[in-house]
Amino acid sequence: MKAKFYSCDGKLRDEKNVRNLKEALNTAEDHFLIEIYDDHGKRLLVYVKC
């Protein structure tokens, strides 16, 4: 899975390969929007943490 991390202003801050959703959330730190993609590039989830 791939996770893309965005800040509040919508700028892409980081992009990482993760094993699961829990790992993505633990990696989120101060990011406010997280998009999770499967191995084929299909978006599975958008998580907003505000």
PDB file of N, CA and C in Angstrom:
ATOM      1  N   MET A   1       0.839  -1.176   0.000  1.00  0.00           N
ATOM      2  CA  MET A   1       0.000   0.000   0.000  1.00  0.00           C
ATOM      3  C   MET A   1       0.886   1.243   0.000  1.00  0.00           C
ATOM      4  N   LYS A   2       0.343   2.289  -0.542  1.00  0.00           N
ATOM      5  CA  LYS A   2       1.065   3.556  -0.542  1.00  0.00           C
ATOM      6  C   LYS A   2       0.219   4.592   0.191  1.00  0.00           C
ATOM      7  N   ALA A   3       0.860   5.416   0.983  1.00  0.00           N
ATOM      8  CA  ALA A   3       0.173   6.490   1.692  1.00  0.00           C
ATOM      9  C   ALA A   3       0.765   7.819   1.253  1.00  0.00           C
ATOM     10  N   LYS A   4      -0.119   8.777   0.986  1.00  0.00           N
ATOM     11  CA  LYS A   4       0.302  10.139   0.668  1.00  0.00           C
ATOM     12  C   LYS A   4      -0.178  11.035   1.793  1.00  0.00           C
ATOM     13  N   PHE A   5       0.740  11.835   2.308  1.00  0.00           N
ATOM     14  CA  PHE A   5       0.445  12.696   3.448  1.00  0.00           C
ATOM     15  C   PHE A   5       0.439  14.155   3.013  1.00  0.00           C
ATOM     16  N   TYR A   6      -0.639  14.862   3.346  1.00  0.00           N
ATOM     17  CA  TYR A   6      -0.786  16.266   2.975  1.00  0.00           C
ATOM     18  C   TYR A   6      -0.927  17.116   4.227  1.00  0.00           C
ATOM     19  N   SER A   7      -0.493  18.360   4.134  1.00  0.00           N
ATOM     20  CA  SER A   7      -0.685  19.292   5.236  1.00  0.00           C
ATOM     21  C   SER A   7      -2.039  19.974   5.081  1.00  0.00           C
ATOM     22  N   CYS A   8      -2.387  20.815   6.046  1.00  0.00           N
ATOM     23  CA  CYS A   8      -3.675  21.519   6.043  1.00  0.00           C
ATOM     24  C   CYS A   8      -3.875  22.364   4.787  1.00  0.00           C
ATOM     25  N   ASP A   9      -2.808  22.920   4.271  1.00  0.00           N
ATOM     26  CA  ASP A   9      -2.928  23.784   3.094  1.00  0.00           C
ATOM     27  C   ASP A   9      -2.988  22.994   1.782  1.00  0.00           C
ATOM     28  N   GLY A  10      -3.058  21.665   1.867  1.00  0.00           N
ATOM     29  CA  GLY A  10      -3.234  20.842   0.685  1.00  0.00           C
ATOM     30  C   GLY A  10      -1.957  20.467  -0.036  1.00  0.00           C
ATOM     31  N   LYS A  11      -0.810  20.808   0.537  1.00  0.00           N
ATOM     32  CA  LYS A  11       0.460  20.480  -0.108  1.00  0.00           C
ATOM     33  C   LYS A  11       0.912  19.076   0.276  1.00  0.00           C
ATOM     34  N   LEU A  12       1.350  18.326  -0.730  1.00  0.00           N
ATOM     35  CA  LEU A  12       1.876  16.986  -0.490  1.00  0.00           C
ATOM     36  C   LEU A  12       3.166  17.100   0.307  1.00  0.00           C
ATOM     37  N   ARG A  13       3.209  16.449   1.455  1.00  0.00           N
ATOM     38  CA  ARG A  13       4.374  16.532   2.330  1.00  0.00           C
ATOM     39  C   ARG A  13       5.237  15.285   2.305  1.00  0.00           C
ATOM     40  N   ASP A  14       4.613  14.136   2.061  1.00  0.00           N
ATOM     41  CA  ASP A  14       5.370  12.890   2.112  1.00  0.00           C
ATOM     42  C   ASP A  14       4.588  11.799   1.393  1.00  0.00           C
ATOM     43  N   GLU A  15       5.318  10.800   0.963  1.00  0.00           N
ATOM     44  CA  GLU A  15       4.725   9.651   0.289  1.00  0.00           C
ATOM     45  C   GLU A  15       5.528   8.431   0.717  1.00  0.00           C
ATOM     46  N   LYS A  16       4.846   7.438   1.285  1.00  0.00           N
ATOM     47  CA  LYS A  16       5.557   6.268   1.792  1.00  0.00           C
ATOM     48  C   LYS A  16       4.793   4.992   1.466  1.00  0.00           C
ATOM     49  N   ASN A  17       5.535   3.913   1.356  1.00  0.00           N
ATOM     50  CA  ASN A  17       4.920   2.594   1.279  1.00  0.00           C
ATOM     51  C   ASN A  17       4.656   2.136   2.710  1.00  0.00           C
ATOM     52  N   VAL A  18       3.437   1.659   2.956  1.00  0.00           N
ATOM     53  CA  VAL A  18       3.056   1.188   4.286  1.00  0.00           C
ATOM     54  C   VAL A  18       2.440  -0.195   4.160  1.00  0.00           C
ATOM     55  N   ARG A  19       2.481  -0.940   5.260  1.00  0.00           N
ATOM     56  CA  ARG A  19       1.919  -2.297   5.251  1.00  0.00           C
ATOM     57  C   ARG A  19       0.416  -2.296   5.472  1.00  0.00           C
ATOM     58  N   ASN A  20      -0.065  -1.332   6.269  1.00  0.00           N
ATOM     59  CA  ASN A  20      -1.490  -1.313   6.601  1.00  0.00           C
ATOM     60  C   ASN A  20      -1.910   0.084   7.071  1.00  0.00           C
ATOM     61  N   LEU A  21      -3.184   0.236   7.361  1.00  0.00           N
ATOM     62  CA  LEU A  21      -3.718   1.534   7.765  1.00  0.00           C
ATOM     63  C   LEU A  21      -3.120   2.002   9.087  1.00  0.00           C
ATOM     64  N   LYS A  22      -2.945   1.089  10.017  1.00  0.00           N
ATOM     65  CA  LYS A  22      -2.390   1.461  11.317  1.00  0.00           C
ATOM     66  C   LYS A  22      -0.995   2.067  11.156  1.00  0.00           C
ATOM     67  N   GLU A  23      -0.177   1.474  10.323  1.00  0.00           N
ATOM     68  CA  GLU A  23       1.160   2.011  10.080  1.00  0.00           C
ATOM     69  C   GLU A  23       1.080   3.405   9.468  1.00  0.00           C
ATOM     70  N   ALA A  24       0.135   3.602   8.566  1.00  0.00           N
ATOM     71  CA  ALA A  24      -0.030   4.920   7.942  1.00  0.00           C
ATOM     72  C   ALA A  24      -0.431   5.967   8.974  1.00  0.00           C
ATOM     73  N   LEU A  25      -1.345   5.616   9.849  1.00  0.00           N
ATOM     74  CA  LEU A  25      -1.796   6.575  10.868  1.00  0.00           C
ATOM     75  C   LEU A  25      -0.690   6.873  11.877  1.00  0.00           C
ATOM     76  N   ASN A  26       0.099   5.871  12.215  1.00  0.00           N
ATOM     77  CA  ASN A  26       1.210   6.086  13.136  1.00  0.00           C
ATOM     78  C   ASN A  26       2.293   6.959  12.524  1.00  0.00           C
ATOM     79  N   THR A  27       2.395   6.936  11.209  1.00  0.00           N
ATOM     80  CA  THR A  27       3.394   7.716  10.488  1.00  0.00           C
ATOM     81  C   THR A  27       2.913   9.148  10.240  1.00  0.00           C
ATOM     82  N   ALA A  28       1.625   9.378  10.424  1.00  0.00           N
ATOM     83  CA  ALA A  28       1.004  10.646  10.015  1.00  0.00           C
ATOM     84  C   ALA A  28       1.589  11.874  10.698  1.00  0.00           C
ATOM     85  N   GLU A  29       1.954  11.775  11.958  1.00  0.00           N
ATOM     86  CA  GLU A  29       2.516  12.892  12.723  1.00  0.00           C
ATOM     87  C   GLU A  29       1.628  14.122  12.607  1.00  0.00           C
ATOM     88  N   ASP A  30       2.134  15.193  12.019  1.00  0.00           N
ATOM     89  CA  ASP A  30       1.374  16.444  11.978  1.00  0.00           C
ATOM     90  C   ASP A  30       0.642  16.656  10.663  1.00  0.00           C
ATOM     91  N   HIS A  31       0.477  15.610   9.877  1.00  0.00           N
ATOM     92  CA  HIS A  31      -0.211  15.745   8.597  1.00  0.00           C
ATOM     93  C   HIS A  31      -1.722  15.651   8.818  1.00  0.00           C
ATOM     94  N   PHE A  32      -2.456  16.337   7.990  1.00  0.00           N
ATOM     95  CA  PHE A  32      -3.886  16.438   8.214  1.00  0.00           C
ATOM     96  C   PHE A  32      -4.722  15.637   7.236  1.00  0.00           C
ATOM     97  N   LEU A  33      -4.172  15.324   6.086  1.00  0.00           N
ATOM     98  CA  LEU A  33      -4.914  14.540   5.101  1.00  0.00           C
ATOM     99  C   LEU A  33      -4.031  13.391   4.660  1.00  0.00           C
ATOM    100  N   ILE A  34      -4.593  12.201   4.688  1.00  0.00           N
ATOM    101  CA  ILE A  34      -3.844  11.012   4.287  1.00  0.00           C
ATOM    102  C   ILE A  34      -4.672  10.279   3.241  1.00  0.00           C
ATOM    103  N   GLU A  35      -4.060   9.966   2.113  1.00  0.00           N
ATOM    104  CA  GLU A  35      -4.707   9.141   1.094  1.00  0.00           C
ATOM    105  C   GLU A  35      -3.987   7.799   1.064  1.00  0.00           C
ATOM    106  N   ILE A  36      -4.761   6.721   1.077  1.00  0.00           N
ATOM    107  CA  ILE A  36      -4.206   5.367   1.049  1.00  0.00           C
ATOM    108  C   ILE A  36      -4.552   4.734  -0.291  1.00  0.00           C
ATOM    109  N   TYR A  37      -3.545   4.176  -0.962  1.00  0.00           N
ATOM    110  CA  TYR A  37      -3.730   3.527  -2.262  1.00  0.00           C
ATOM    111  C   TYR A  37      -3.319   2.065  -2.181  1.00  0.00           C
ATOM    112  N   ASP A  38      -3.991   1.226  -2.963  1.00  0.00           N
ATOM    113  CA  ASP A  38      -3.569  -0.170  -3.038  1.00  0.00           C
ATOM    114  C   ASP A  38      -2.392  -0.296  -4.012  1.00  0.00           C
ATOM    115  N   ASP A  39      -1.934  -1.506  -4.220  1.00  0.00           N
ATOM    116  CA  ASP A  39      -0.756  -1.740  -5.056  1.00  0.00           C
ATOM    117  C   ASP A  39      -1.000  -1.457  -6.538  1.00  0.00           C
ATOM    118  N   HIS A  40      -2.266  -1.292  -6.917  1.00  0.00           N
ATOM    119  CA  HIS A  40      -2.599  -1.006  -8.313  1.00  0.00           C
ATOM    120  C   HIS A  40      -2.900   0.466  -8.544  1.00  0.00           C
ATOM    121  N   GLY A  41      -2.720   1.286  -7.508  1.00  0.00           N
ATOM    122  CA  GLY A  41      -2.943   2.720  -7.639  1.00  0.00           C
ATOM    123  C   GLY A  41      -4.374   3.166  -7.398  1.00  0.00           C
ATOM    124  N   LYS A  42      -5.238   2.255  -6.981  1.00  0.00           N
ATOM    125  CA  LYS A  42      -6.627   2.605  -6.699  1.00  0.00           C
ATOM    126  C   LYS A  42      -6.727   3.204  -5.298  1.00  0.00           C
ATOM    127  N   ARG A  43      -7.363   4.362  -5.188  1.00  0.00           N
ATOM    128  CA  ARG A  43      -7.482   4.999  -3.873  1.00  0.00           C
ATOM    129  C   ARG A  43      -8.492   4.239  -3.037  1.00  0.00           C
ATOM    130  N   LEU A  44      -8.072   3.828  -1.851  1.00  0.00           N
ATOM    131  CA  LEU A  44      -8.923   3.056  -0.957  1.00  0.00           C
ATOM    132  C   LEU A  44      -9.561   3.919   0.114  1.00  0.00           C
ATOM    133  N   LEU A  45      -8.850   4.934   0.561  1.00  0.00           N
ATOM    134  CA  LEU A  45      -9.312   5.668   1.732  1.00  0.00           C
ATOM    135  C   LEU A  45      -8.720   7.061   1.747  1.00  0.00           C
ATOM    136  N   VAL A  46      -9.514   7.994   2.195  1.00  0.00           N
ATOM    137  CA  VAL A  46      -9.019   9.333   2.503  1.00  0.00           C
ATOM    138  C   VAL A  46      -9.331   9.564   3.969  1.00  0.00           C
ATOM    139  N   TYR A  47      -8.337   9.889   4.750  1.00  0.00           N
ATOM    140  CA  TYR A  47      -8.493  10.087   6.183  1.00  0.00           C
ATOM    141  C   TYR A  47      -8.101  11.515   6.510  1.00  0.00           C
ATOM    142  N   VAL A  48      -9.012  12.252   7.127  1.00  0.00           N
ATOM    143  CA  VAL A  48      -8.739  13.634   7.498  1.00  0.00           C
ATOM    144  C   VAL A  48      -8.626  13.703   9.014  1.00  0.00           C
ATOM    145  N   LYS A  49      -7.532  14.250   9.491  1.00  0.00           N
ATOM    146  CA  LYS A  49      -7.273  14.366  10.931  1.00  0.00           C
ATOM    147  C   LYS A  49      -7.120  15.845  11.258  1.00  0.00           C
ATOM    148  N   CYS A  50      -8.179  16.463  11.736  1.00  0.00           N
ATOM    149  CA  CYS A  50      -8.117  17.897  12.066  1.00  0.00           C
ATOM    150  C   CYS A  50      -8.566  18.137  13.487  1.00  0.00           C
TER     151      CYS A  50
END
